[in-house]
Amino acid sequence: MFTPKIPPPDTAPTPGTSLVQPLTGLVHPPACTCHHTPNLAPAPAPTPAAPPARTAVQFTPGSLLVAAAGGTAVVLVVGTVLVSMLLATAITAASVALCAVVLRSLLSNQKGN
């Protein structure tokens, strides 16, 4: 039941005897049977379409002022966030150091008594 079922070697097709025969000797009939001369004049090449003109972005003094104010606001907000993160890290480090000093002093006083 679990043994593979392999065909005997005499029935397996060999590379020389394929089941599909190659197509050789096919002759296609002409597309049309009328006798006319083909048009020898080349067709005019199509002219490429001009790309659509882009409108230039024009800044007015008011829009420049708004852009400068927006950029300044972004820089100030990002700077504030970064400085506050640095300050939080420094406060945490100082408090951990202070706790270490207090614990050290408590442990050294306990050994002395």
PDB file of N, CA and C in Angstrom:
ATOM      1  N   MET A   1       0.806  -1.181   0.000  1.00  0.00           N
ATOM      2  CA  MET A   1       0.000   0.000   0.000  1.00  0.00           C
ATOM      3  C   MET A   1       0.862   1.263   0.000  1.00  0.00           C
ATOM      4  N   PHE A   2       1.959   1.253   0.756  1.00  0.00           N
ATOM      5  CA  PHE A   2       2.806   2.436   0.838  1.00  0.00           C
ATOM      6  C   PHE A   2       3.989   2.396  -0.115  1.00  0.00           C
ATOM      7  N   THR A   3       4.052   1.407  -0.984  1.00  0.00           N
ATOM      8  CA  THR A   3       5.166   1.349  -1.936  1.00  0.00           C
ATOM      9  C   THR A   3       4.836   2.221  -3.138  1.00  0.00           C
ATOM     10  N   PRO A   4       5.830   2.922  -3.687  1.00  0.00           N
ATOM     11  CA  PRO A   4       5.554   3.779  -4.844  1.00  0.00           C
ATOM     12  C   PRO A   4       5.255   2.939  -6.075  1.00  0.00           C
ATOM     13  N   LYS A   5       4.371   3.447  -6.887  1.00  0.00           N
ATOM     14  CA  LYS A   5       4.006   2.731  -8.105  1.00  0.00           C
ATOM     15  C   LYS A   5       4.700   3.411  -9.276  1.00  0.00           C
ATOM     16  N   ILE A   6       5.806   2.842  -9.686  1.00  0.00           N
ATOM     17  CA  ILE A   6       6.595   3.380 -10.791  1.00  0.00           C
ATOM     18  C   ILE A   6       6.274   2.565 -12.031  1.00  0.00           C
ATOM     19  N   PRO A   7       6.042   3.222 -13.180  1.00  0.00           N
ATOM     20  CA  PRO A   7       5.758   2.425 -14.387  1.00  0.00           C
ATOM     21  C   PRO A   7       6.991   1.631 -14.803  1.00  0.00           C
ATOM     22  N   PRO A   8       6.758   0.498 -15.422  1.00  0.00           N
ATOM     23  CA  PRO A   8       7.920  -0.285 -15.890  1.00  0.00           C
ATOM     24  C   PRO A   8       8.709   0.510 -16.937  1.00  0.00           C
ATOM     25  N   PRO A   9       9.993   0.262 -17.045  1.00  0.00           N
ATOM     26  CA  PRO A   9      10.839   1.054 -17.952  1.00  0.00           C
ATOM     27  C   PRO A   9      10.422   0.965 -19.417  1.00  0.00           C
ATOM     28  N   ASP A  10       9.798  -0.113 -19.851  1.00  0.00           N
ATOM     29  CA  ASP A  10       9.479  -0.218 -21.280  1.00  0.00           C
ATOM     30  C   ASP A  10       8.275   0.659 -21.668  1.00  0.00           C
ATOM     31  N   THR A  11       7.440   1.102 -20.741  1.00  0.00           N
ATOM     32  CA  THR A  11       6.290   1.923 -21.103  1.00  0.00           C
ATOM     33  C   THR A  11       6.552   3.419 -20.904  1.00  0.00           C
ATOM     34  N   ALA A  12       7.606   3.771 -20.203  1.00  0.00           N
ATOM     35  CA  ALA A  12       7.901   5.189 -20.002  1.00  0.00           C
ATOM     36  C   ALA A  12       8.417   5.782 -21.306  1.00  0.00           C
ATOM     37  N   PRO A  13       7.952   6.991 -21.691  1.00  0.00           N
ATOM     38  CA  PRO A  13       8.444   7.587 -22.931  1.00  0.00           C
ATOM     39  C   PRO A  13       9.895   8.039 -22.781  1.00  0.00           C
ATOM     40  N   THR A  14      10.634   7.857 -23.835  1.00  0.00           N
ATOM     41  CA  THR A  14      12.037   8.288 -23.866  1.00  0.00           C
ATOM     42  C   THR A  14      12.106   9.653 -24.535  1.00  0.00           C
ATOM     43  N   PRO A  15      13.206  10.372 -24.358  1.00  0.00           N
ATOM     44  CA  PRO A  15      13.294  11.699 -24.982  1.00  0.00           C
ATOM     45  C   PRO A  15      13.163  11.659 -26.502  1.00  0.00           C
ATOM     46  N   GLY A  16      13.557  10.587 -27.144  1.00  0.00           N
ATOM     47  CA  GLY A  16      13.460  10.495 -28.601  1.00  0.00           C
ATOM     48  C   GLY A  16      12.047  10.194 -29.080  1.00  0.00           C
ATOM     49  N   THR A  17      11.266   9.534 -28.273  1.00  0.00           N
ATOM     50  CA  THR A  17       9.904   9.171 -28.675  1.00  0.00           C
ATOM     51  C   THR A  17       8.907   9.932 -27.810  1.00  0.00           C
ATOM     52  N   SER A  18       8.659  11.149 -28.153  1.00  0.00           N
ATOM     53  CA  SER A  18       7.729  11.963 -27.401  1.00  0.00           C
ATOM     54  C   SER A  18       6.310  11.686 -27.860  1.00  0.00           C
ATOM     55  N   LEU A  19       5.359  11.943 -27.002  1.00  0.00           N
ATOM     56  CA  LEU A  19       3.975  11.736 -27.365  1.00  0.00           C
ATOM     57  C   LEU A  19       3.446  12.854 -28.260  1.00  0.00           C
ATOM     58  N   VAL A  20       4.066  14.028 -28.227  1.00  0.00           N
ATOM     59  CA  VAL A  20       3.640  15.159 -29.042  1.00  0.00           C
ATOM     60  C   VAL A  20       4.609  15.282 -30.211  1.00  0.00           C
ATOM     61  N   GLN A  21       4.079  15.217 -31.417  1.00  0.00           N
ATOM     62  CA  GLN A  21       4.914  15.317 -32.611  1.00  0.00           C
ATOM     63  C   GLN A  21       5.146  16.789 -32.964  1.00  0.00           C
ATOM     64  N   PRO A  22       6.340  17.158 -33.390  1.00  0.00           N
ATOM     65  CA  PRO A  22       6.595  18.559 -33.752  1.00  0.00           C
ATOM     66  C   PRO A  22       5.840  18.929 -35.023  1.00  0.00           C
ATOM     67  N   LEU A  23       5.455  20.213 -35.101  1.00  0.00           N
ATOM     68  CA  LEU A  23       4.724  20.707 -36.271  1.00  0.00           C
ATOM     69  C   LEU A  23       5.728  21.119 -37.337  1.00  0.00           C
ATOM     70  N   THR A  24       5.778  20.376 -38.410  1.00  0.00           N
ATOM     71  CA  THR A  24       6.683  20.703 -39.520  1.00  0.00           C
ATOM     72  C   THR A  24       5.904  20.639 -40.818  1.00  0.00           C
ATOM     73  N   GLY A  25       6.329  21.411 -41.781  1.00  0.00           N
ATOM     74  CA  GLY A  25       5.728  21.365 -43.107  1.00  0.00           C
ATOM     75  C   GLY A  25       4.392  22.068 -43.204  1.00  0.00           C
ATOM     76  N   LEU A  26       4.056  22.944 -42.287  1.00  0.00           N
ATOM     77  CA  LEU A  26       2.798  23.663 -42.372  1.00  0.00           C
ATOM     78  C   LEU A  26       2.952  24.837 -43.327  1.00  0.00           C
ATOM     79  N   VAL A  27       1.989  24.996 -44.224  1.00  0.00           N
ATOM     80  CA  VAL A  27       1.990  26.115 -45.163  1.00  0.00           C
ATOM     81  C   VAL A  27       0.740  26.927 -44.893  1.00  0.00           C
ATOM     82  N   HIS A  28       0.926  28.190 -44.615  1.00  0.00           N
ATOM     83  CA  HIS A  28      -0.211  29.060 -44.335  1.00  0.00           C
ATOM     84  C   HIS A  28      -0.707  29.676 -45.635  1.00  0.00           C
ATOM     85  N   PRO A  29      -2.016  29.715 -45.834  1.00  0.00           N
ATOM     86  CA  PRO A  29      -2.539  30.377 -47.035  1.00  0.00           C
ATOM     87  C   PRO A  29      -2.372  31.884 -46.890  1.00  0.00           C
ATOM     88  N   PRO A  30      -2.350  32.607 -48.006  1.00  0.00           N
ATOM     89  CA  PRO A  30      -2.209  34.061 -47.914  1.00  0.00           C
ATOM     90  C   PRO A  30      -3.419  34.666 -47.213  1.00  0.00           C
ATOM     91  N   ALA A  31      -3.221  35.855 -46.651  1.00  0.00           N
ATOM     92  CA  ALA A  31      -4.289  36.504 -45.898  1.00  0.00           C
ATOM     93  C   ALA A  31      -5.452  36.887 -46.803  1.00  0.00           C
ATOM     94  N   CYS A  32      -5.153  37.331 -48.016  1.00  0.00           N
ATOM     95  CA  CYS A  32      -6.227  37.657 -48.952  1.00  0.00           C
ATOM     96  C   CYS A  32      -5.834  37.146 -50.334  1.00  0.00           C
ATOM     97  N   THR A  33      -6.846  36.905 -51.196  1.00  0.00           N
ATOM     98  CA  THR A  33      -6.563  36.370 -52.529  1.00  0.00           C
ATOM     99  C   THR A  33      -6.640  37.450 -53.596  1.00  0.00           C
ATOM    100  N   CYS A  34      -6.884  38.705 -53.219  1.00  0.00           N
ATOM    101  CA  CYS A  34      -6.965  39.774 -54.222  1.00  0.00           C
ATOM    102  C   CYS A  34      -5.559  40.160 -54.669  1.00  0.00           C
ATOM    103  N   HIS A  35      -5.473  40.676 -55.903  1.00  0.00           N
ATOM    104  CA  HIS A  35      -4.178  41.052 -56.464  1.00  0.00           C
ATOM    105  C   HIS A  35      -4.131  42.572 -56.545  1.00  0.00           C
ATOM    106  N   HIS A  36      -3.582  43.176 -55.547  1.00  0.00           N
ATOM    107  CA  HIS A  36      -3.448  44.635 -55.548  1.00  0.00           C
ATOM    108  C   HIS A  36      -2.025  44.986 -55.184  1.00  0.00           C
ATOM    109  N   THR A  37      -1.665  46.203 -55.513  1.00  0.00           N
ATOM    110  CA  THR A  37      -0.318  46.653 -55.181  1.00  0.00           C
ATOM    111  C   THR A  37      -0.382  47.342 -53.817  1.00  0.00           C
ATOM    112  N   PRO A  38       0.543  47.063 -52.961  1.00  0.00           N
ATOM    113  CA  PRO A  38       0.512  47.696 -51.649  1.00  0.00           C
ATOM    114  C   PRO A  38       0.838  49.188 -51.752  1.00  0.00           C
ATOM    115  N   ASN A  39       0.322  49.964 -50.850  1.00  0.00           N
ATOM    116  CA  ASN A  39       0.566  51.402 -50.809  1.00  0.00           C
ATOM    117  C   ASN A  39       2.005  51.618 -50.347  1.00  0.00           C
ATOM    118  N   LEU A  40       2.829  52.202 -51.227  1.00  0.00           N
ATOM    119  CA  LEU A  40       4.242  52.375 -50.919  1.00  0.00           C
ATOM    120  C   LEU A  40       4.530  53.718 -50.261  1.00  0.00           C
ATOM    121  N   ALA A  41       3.574  54.618 -50.224  1.00  0.00           N
ATOM    122  CA  ALA A  41       3.809  55.919 -49.601  1.00  0.00           C
ATOM    123  C   ALA A  41       3.807  55.738 -48.087  1.00  0.00           C
ATOM    124  N   PRO A  42       4.879  56.195 -47.416  1.00  0.00           N
ATOM    125  CA  PRO A  42       4.910  56.030 -45.959  1.00  0.00           C
ATOM    126  C   PRO A  42       3.901  56.960 -45.299  1.00  0.00           C
ATOM    127  N   ALA A  43       3.322  56.475 -44.283  1.00  0.00           N
ATOM    128  CA  ALA A  43       2.359  57.280 -43.536  1.00  0.00           C
ATOM    129  C   ALA A  43       3.109  58.357 -42.766  1.00  0.00           C
ATOM    130  N   PRO A  44       2.528  59.559 -42.665  1.00  0.00           N
ATOM    131  CA  PRO A  44       3.234  60.609 -41.922  1.00  0.00           C
ATOM    132  C   PRO A  44       3.342  60.232 -40.446  1.00  0.00           C
ATOM    133  N   ALA A  45       4.495  60.539 -39.887  1.00  0.00           N
ATOM    134  CA  ALA A  45       4.720  60.221 -38.475  1.00  0.00           C
ATOM    135  C   ALA A  45       3.876  61.146 -37.615  1.00  0.00           C
ATOM    136  N   PRO A  46       3.233  60.597 -36.598  1.00  0.00           N
ATOM    137  CA  PRO A  46       2.420  61.465 -35.740  1.00  0.00           C
ATOM    138  C   PRO A  46       3.317  62.391 -34.928  1.00  0.00           C
ATOM    139  N   THR A  47       2.897  63.622 -34.809  1.00  0.00           N
ATOM    140  CA  THR A  47       3.679  64.582 -34.040  1.00  0.00           C
ATOM    141  C   THR A  47       3.397  64.358 -32.555  1.00  0.00           C
ATOM    142  N   PRO A  48       4.426  64.387 -31.747  1.00  0.00           N
ATOM    143  CA  PRO A  48       4.194  64.164 -30.317  1.00  0.00           C
ATOM    144  C   PRO A  48       3.417  65.331 -29.727  1.00  0.00           C
ATOM    145  N   ALA A  49       2.514  64.994 -28.844  1.00  0.00           N
ATOM    146  CA  ALA A  49       1.705  66.025 -28.205  1.00  0.00           C
ATOM    147  C   ALA A  49       2.561  66.804 -27.219  1.00  0.00           C
ATOM    148  N   ALA A  50       2.343  68.093 -27.177  1.00  0.00           N
ATOM    149  CA  ALA A  50       3.097  68.943 -26.261  1.00  0.00           C
ATOM    150  C   ALA A  50       2.668  68.635 -24.834  1.00  0.00           C
ATOM    151  N   PRO A  51       3.631  68.533 -23.904  1.00  0.00           N
ATOM    152  CA  PRO A  51       3.254  68.270 -22.518  1.00  0.00           C
ATOM    153  C   PRO A  51       2.460  69.452 -21.966  1.00  0.00           C
ATOM    154  N   PRO A  52       1.533  69.178 -21.076  1.00  0.00           N
ATOM    155  CA  PRO A  52       0.743  70.288 -20.521  1.00  0.00           C
ATOM    156  C   PRO A  52       1.635  71.247 -19.757  1.00  0.00           C
ATOM    157  N   ALA A  53       1.385  72.509 -19.941  1.00  0.00           N
ATOM    158  CA  ALA A  53       2.212  73.523 -19.294  1.00  0.00           C
ATOM    159  C   ALA A  53       1.939  73.522 -17.791  1.00  0.00           C
ATOM    160  N   ARG A  54       3.005  73.542 -17.016  1.00  0.00           N
ATOM    161  CA  ARG A  54       2.861  73.586 -15.567  1.00  0.00           C
ATOM    162  C   ARG A  54       2.741  75.033 -15.125  1.00  0.00           C
ATOM    163  N   THR A  55       1.922  75.200 -14.151  1.00  0.00           N
ATOM    164  CA  THR A  55       1.813  76.543 -13.609  1.00  0.00           C
ATOM    165  C   THR A  55       2.892  76.715 -12.545  1.00  0.00           C
ATOM    166  N   ALA A  56       3.582  77.813 -12.606  1.00  0.00           N
ATOM    167  CA  ALA A  56       4.646  78.072 -11.647  1.00  0.00           C
ATOM    168  C   ALA A  56       4.039  78.461 -10.301  1.00  0.00           C
ATOM    169  N   VAL A  57       4.671  78.010  -9.236  1.00  0.00           N
ATOM    170  CA  VAL A  57       4.202  78.354  -7.902  1.00  0.00           C
ATOM    171  C   VAL A  57       4.686  79.760  -7.597  1.00  0.00           C
ATOM    172  N   GLN A  58       3.767  80.618  -7.269  1.00  0.00           N
ATOM    173  CA  GLN A  58       4.127  82.012  -7.001  1.00  0.00           C
ATOM    174  C   GLN A  58       3.850  82.300  -5.536  1.00  0.00           C
ATOM    175  N   PHE A  59       4.875  82.805  -4.876  1.00  0.00           N
ATOM    176  CA  PHE A  59       4.750  83.158  -3.469  1.00  0.00           C
ATOM    177  C   PHE A  59       4.460  84.643  -3.336  1.00  0.00           C
ATOM    178  N   THR A  60       3.477  84.926  -2.557  1.00  0.00           N
ATOM    179  CA  THR A  60       3.205  86.323  -2.225  1.00  0.00           C
ATOM    180  C   THR A  60       3.916  86.617  -0.904  1.00  0.00           C
ATOM    181  N   PRO A  61       4.090  87.868  -0.579  1.00  0.00           N
ATOM    182  CA  PRO A  61       4.746  88.179   0.706  1.00  0.00           C
ATOM    183  C   PRO A  61       4.007  87.571   1.901  1.00  0.00           C
ATOM    184  N   GLY A  62       2.699  87.517   1.824  1.00  0.00           N
ATOM    185  CA  GLY A  62       1.937  86.920   2.920  1.00  0.00           C
ATOM    186  C   GLY A  62       2.197  85.432   3.045  1.00  0.00           C
ATOM    187  N   SER A  63       2.253  84.722   1.905  1.00  0.00           N
ATOM    188  CA  SER A  63       2.493  83.282   1.966  1.00  0.00           C
ATOM    189  C   SER A  63       3.917  82.983   2.422  1.00  0.00           C
ATOM    190  N   LEU A  64       4.878  83.831   2.055  1.00  0.00           N
ATOM    191  CA  LEU A  64       6.245  83.641   2.545  1.00  0.00           C
ATOM    192  C   LEU A  64       6.301  83.841   4.050  1.00  0.00           C
ATOM    193  N   LEU A  65       5.566  84.812   4.544  1.00  0.00           N
ATOM    194  CA  LEU A  65       5.545  85.064   5.984  1.00  0.00           C
ATOM    195  C   LEU A  65       4.921  83.883   6.729  1.00  0.00           C
ATOM    196  N   VAL A  66       3.853  83.316   6.172  1.00  0.00           N
ATOM    197  CA  VAL A  66       3.209  82.155   6.793  1.00  0.00           C
ATOM    198  C   VAL A  66       4.143  80.943   6.767  1.00  0.00           C
ATOM    199  N   ALA A  67       4.852  80.731   5.654  1.00  0.00           N
ATOM    200  CA  ALA A  67       5.780  79.600   5.556  1.00  0.00           C
ATOM    201  C   ALA A  67       6.922  79.748   6.559  1.00  0.00           C
ATOM    202  N   ALA A  68       7.452  80.954   6.692  1.00  0.00           N
ATOM    203  CA  ALA A  68       8.540  81.191   7.648  1.00  0.00           C
ATOM    204  C   ALA A  68       8.045  80.992   9.075  1.00  0.00           C
ATOM    205  N   ALA A  69       6.845  81.464   9.380  1.00  0.00           N
ATOM    206  CA  ALA A  69       6.304  81.308  10.730  1.00  0.00           C
ATOM    207  C   ALA A  69       6.031  79.836  11.026  1.00  0.00           C
ATOM    208  N   GLY A  70       5.527  79.093  10.029  1.00  0.00           N
ATOM    209  CA  GLY A  70       5.280  77.659  10.217  1.00  0.00           C
ATOM    210  C   GLY A  70       6.568  76.899  10.456  1.00  0.00           C
ATOM    211  N   GLY A  71       7.604  77.212   9.692  1.00  0.00           N
ATOM    212  CA  GLY A  71       8.898  76.552   9.888  1.00  0.00           C
ATOM    213  C   GLY A  71       9.486  76.850  11.247  1.00  0.00           C
ATOM    214  N   THR A  72       9.357  78.105  11.662  1.00  0.00           N
ATOM    215  CA  THR A  72       9.863  78.477  12.985  1.00  0.00           C
ATOM    216  C   THR A  72       9.109  77.741  14.080  1.00  0.00           C
ATOM    217  N   ALA A  73       7.793  77.627  13.929  1.00  0.00           N
ATOM    218  CA  ALA A  73       6.990  76.929  14.933  1.00  0.00           C
ATOM    219  C   ALA A  73       7.375  75.453  15.016  1.00  0.00           C
ATOM    220  N   VAL A  74       7.610  74.838  13.867  1.00  0.00           N
ATOM    221  CA  VAL A  74       7.998  73.418  13.864  1.00  0.00           C
ATOM    222  C   VAL A  74       9.338  73.236  14.558  1.00  0.00           C
ATOM    223  N   VAL A  75      10.297  74.112  14.263  1.00  0.00           N
ATOM    224  CA  VAL A  75      11.617  74.005  14.889  1.00  0.00           C
ATOM    225  C   VAL A  75      11.506  74.200  16.397  1.00  0.00           C
ATOM    226  N   LEU A  76      10.694  75.161  16.816  1.00  0.00           N
ATOM    227  CA  LEU A  76      10.550  75.412  18.256  1.00  0.00           C
ATOM    228  C   LEU A  76       9.878  74.242  18.975  1.00  0.00           C
ATOM    229  N   VAL A  77       8.859  73.657  18.361  1.00  0.00           N
ATOM    230  CA  VAL A  77       8.162  72.530  18.996  1.00  0.00           C
ATOM    231  C   VAL A  77       9.087  71.323  19.096  1.00  0.00           C
ATOM    232  N   VAL A  78       9.784  71.010  18.004  1.00  0.00           N
ATOM    233  CA  VAL A  78      10.696  69.858  18.031  1.00  0.00           C
ATOM    234  C   VAL A  78      11.819  70.097  19.031  1.00  0.00           C
ATOM    235  N   GLY A  79      12.355  71.304  19.058  1.00  0.00           N
ATOM    236  CA  GLY A  79      13.406  71.620  20.022  1.00  0.00           C
ATOM    237  C   GLY A  79      12.920  71.508  21.453  1.00  0.00           C
ATOM    238  N   THR A  80      11.709  71.965  21.713  1.00  0.00           N
ATOM    239  CA  THR A  80      11.154  71.876  23.069  1.00  0.00           C
ATOM    240  C   THR A  80      10.989  70.425  23.493  1.00  0.00           C
ATOM    241  N   VAL A  81      10.501  69.604  22.598  1.00  0.00           N
ATOM    242  CA  VAL A  81      10.317  68.182  22.927  1.00  0.00           C
ATOM    243  C   VAL A  81      11.655  67.521  23.214  1.00  0.00           C
ATOM    244  N   LEU A  82      12.665  67.807  22.398  1.00  0.00           N
ATOM    245  CA  LEU A  82      13.975  67.177  22.608  1.00  0.00           C
ATOM    246  C   LEU A  82      14.620  67.647  23.906  1.00  0.00           C
ATOM    247  N   VAL A  83      14.521  68.940  24.191  1.00  0.00           N
ATOM    248  CA  VAL A  83      15.102  69.455  25.430  1.00  0.00           C
ATOM    249  C   VAL A  83      14.383  68.888  26.641  1.00  0.00           C
ATOM    250  N   SER A  84      13.064  68.736  26.563  1.00  0.00           N
ATOM    251  CA  SER A  84      12.339  68.181  27.703  1.00  0.00           C
ATOM    252  C   SER A  84      12.697  66.712  27.921  1.00  0.00           C
ATOM    253  N   MET A  85      12.927  65.981  26.849  1.00  0.00           N
ATOM    254  CA  MET A  85      13.355  64.589  27.007  1.00  0.00           C
ATOM    255  C   MET A  85      14.737  64.513  27.640  1.00  0.00           C
ATOM    256  N   LEU A  86      15.638  65.401  27.223  1.00  0.00           N
ATOM    257  CA  LEU A  86      16.972  65.436  27.818  1.00  0.00           C
ATOM    258  C   LEU A  86      16.900  65.828  29.289  1.00  0.00           C
ATOM    259  N   LEU A  87      16.047  66.788  29.623  1.00  0.00           N
ATOM    260  CA  LEU A  87      15.887  67.212  31.009  1.00  0.00           C
ATOM    261  C   LEU A  87      15.303  66.087  31.865  1.00  0.00           C
ATOM    262  N   ALA A  88      14.343  65.346  31.316  1.00  0.00           N
ATOM    263  CA  ALA A  88      13.774  64.219  32.065  1.00  0.00           C
ATOM    264  C   ALA A  88      14.833  63.160  32.324  1.00  0.00           C
ATOM    265  N   THR A  89      15.698  62.910  31.356  1.00  0.00           N
ATOM    266  CA  THR A  89      16.775  61.931  31.547  1.00  0.00           C
ATOM    267  C   THR A  89      17.751  62.411  32.615  1.00  0.00           C
ATOM    268  N   ALA A  90      18.088  63.699  32.598  1.00  0.00           N
ATOM    269  CA  ALA A  90      19.026  64.239  33.589  1.00  0.00           C
ATOM    270  C   ALA A  90      18.427  64.195  34.992  1.00  0.00           C
ATOM    271  N   ILE A  91      17.146  64.521  35.130  1.00  0.00           N
ATOM    272  CA  ILE A  91      16.510  64.479  36.448  1.00  0.00           C
ATOM    273  C   ILE A  91      16.454  63.052  36.969  1.00  0.00           C
ATOM    274  N   THR A  92      16.153  62.105  36.086  1.00  0.00           N
ATOM    275  CA  THR A  92      16.107  60.701  36.497  1.00  0.00           C
ATOM    276  C   THR A  92      17.485  60.230  36.943  1.00  0.00           C
ATOM    277  N   ALA A  93      18.532  60.594  36.211  1.00  0.00           N
ATOM    278  CA  ALA A  93      19.889  60.186  36.581  1.00  0.00           C
ATOM    279  C   ALA A  93      20.291  60.795  37.920  1.00  0.00           C
ATOM    280  N   ALA A  94      19.933  62.056  38.132  1.00  0.00           N
ATOM    281  CA  ALA A  94      20.289  62.707  39.403  1.00  0.00           C
ATOM    282  C   ALA A  94      19.556  62.054  40.570  1.00  0.00           C
ATOM    283  N   SER A  95      18.290  61.709  40.364  1.00  0.00           N
ATOM    284  CA  SER A  95      17.545  61.080  41.461  1.00  0.00           C
ATOM    285  C   SER A  95      18.069  59.687  41.761  1.00  0.00           C
ATOM    286  N   VAL A  96      18.472  58.944  40.741  1.00  0.00           N
ATOM    287  CA  VAL A  96      19.042  57.613  40.971  1.00  0.00           C
ATOM    288  C   VAL A  96      20.368  57.752  41.709  1.00  0.00           C
ATOM    289  N   ALA A  97      21.170  58.745  41.327  1.00  0.00           N
ATOM    290  CA  ALA A  97      22.443  58.952  42.020  1.00  0.00           C
ATOM    291  C   ALA A  97      22.208  59.348  43.473  1.00  0.00           C
ATOM    292  N   LEU A  98      21.236  60.194  43.737  1.00  0.00           N
ATOM    293  CA  LEU A  98      20.932  60.603  45.104  1.00  0.00           C
ATOM    294  C   LEU A  98      20.453  59.412  45.928  1.00  0.00           C
ATOM    295  N   CYS A  99      19.623  58.563  45.351  1.00  0.00           N
ATOM    296  CA  CYS A  99      19.173  57.355  46.052  1.00  0.00           C
ATOM    297  C   CYS A  99      20.350  56.441  46.368  1.00  0.00           C
ATOM    298  N   ALA A 100      21.297  56.332  45.446  1.00  0.00           N
ATOM    299  CA  ALA A 100      22.468  55.485  45.682  1.00  0.00           C
ATOM    300  C   ALA A 100      23.300  56.025  46.831  1.00  0.00           C
ATOM    301  N   VAL A 101      23.468  57.340  46.924  1.00  0.00           N
ATOM    302  CA  VAL A 101      24.250  57.936  48.006  1.00  0.00           C
ATOM    303  C   VAL A 101      23.547  57.720  49.342  1.00  0.00           C
ATOM    304  N   VAL A 102      22.237  57.907  49.376  1.00  0.00           N
ATOM    305  CA  VAL A 102      21.489  57.709  50.623  1.00  0.00           C
ATOM    306  C   VAL A 102      21.572  56.257  51.060  1.00  0.00           C
ATOM    307  N   LEU A 103      21.383  55.318  50.131  1.00  0.00           N
ATOM    308  CA  LEU A 103      21.473  53.898  50.496  1.00  0.00           C
ATOM    309  C   LEU A 103      22.872  53.537  50.984  1.00  0.00           C
ATOM    310  N   ARG A 104      23.873  54.106  50.380  1.00  0.00           N
ATOM    311  CA  ARG A 104      25.253  53.810  50.782  1.00  0.00           C
ATOM    312  C   ARG A 104      25.496  54.313  52.198  1.00  0.00           C
ATOM    313  N   SER A 105      25.027  55.519  52.470  1.00  0.00           N
ATOM    314  CA  SER A 105      25.246  56.067  53.802  1.00  0.00           C
ATOM    315  C   SER A 105      24.465  55.267  54.857  1.00  0.00           C
ATOM    316  N   LEU A 106      23.263  54.821  54.502  1.00  0.00           N
ATOM    317  CA  LEU A 106      22.496  54.017  55.458  1.00  0.00           C
ATOM    318  C   LEU A 106      23.165  52.690  55.732  1.00  0.00           C
ATOM    319  N   LEU A 107      23.685  52.059  54.698  1.00  0.00           N
ATOM    320  CA  LEU A 107      24.335  50.762  54.882  1.00  0.00           C
ATOM    321  C   LEU A 107      25.658  50.914  55.635  1.00  0.00           C
ATOM    322  N   SER A 108      26.379  52.001  55.393  1.00  0.00           N
ATOM    323  CA  SER A 108      27.652  52.162  56.113  1.00  0.00           C
ATOM    324  C   SER A 108      27.404  52.505  57.576  1.00  0.00           C
ATOM    325  N   ASN A 109      26.364  53.250  57.900  1.00  0.00           N
ATOM    326  CA  ASN A 109      26.035  53.545  59.293  1.00  0.00           C
ATOM    327  C   ASN A 109      25.569  52.294  60.003  1.00  0.00           C
ATOM    328  N   GLN A 110      24.904  51.393  59.314  1.00  0.00           N
ATOM    329  CA  GLN A 110      24.398  50.181  59.937  1.00  0.00           C
ATOM    330  C   GLN A 110      25.534  49.246  60.296  1.00  0.00           C
ATOM    331  N   LYS A 111      26.598  49.224  59.470  1.00  0.00           N
ATOM    332  CA  LYS A 111      27.736  48.347  59.760  1.00  0.00           C
ATOM    333  C   LYS A 111      28.542  48.882  60.938  1.00  0.00           C
ATOM    334  N   GLY A 112      28.582  50.199  61.078  1.00  0.00           N
ATOM    335  CA  GLY A 112      29.380  50.788  62.150  1.00  0.00           C
ATOM    336  C   GLY A 112      28.754  50.589  63.509  1.00  0.00           C
ATOM    337  N   ASN A 113      27.470  50.418  63.622  1.00  0.00           N
ATOM    338  CA  ASN A 113      26.812  50.277  64.929  1.00  0.00           C
ATOM    339  C   ASN A 113      26.798  48.890  65.420  1.00  0.00           C
TER     340      ASN A 113
END
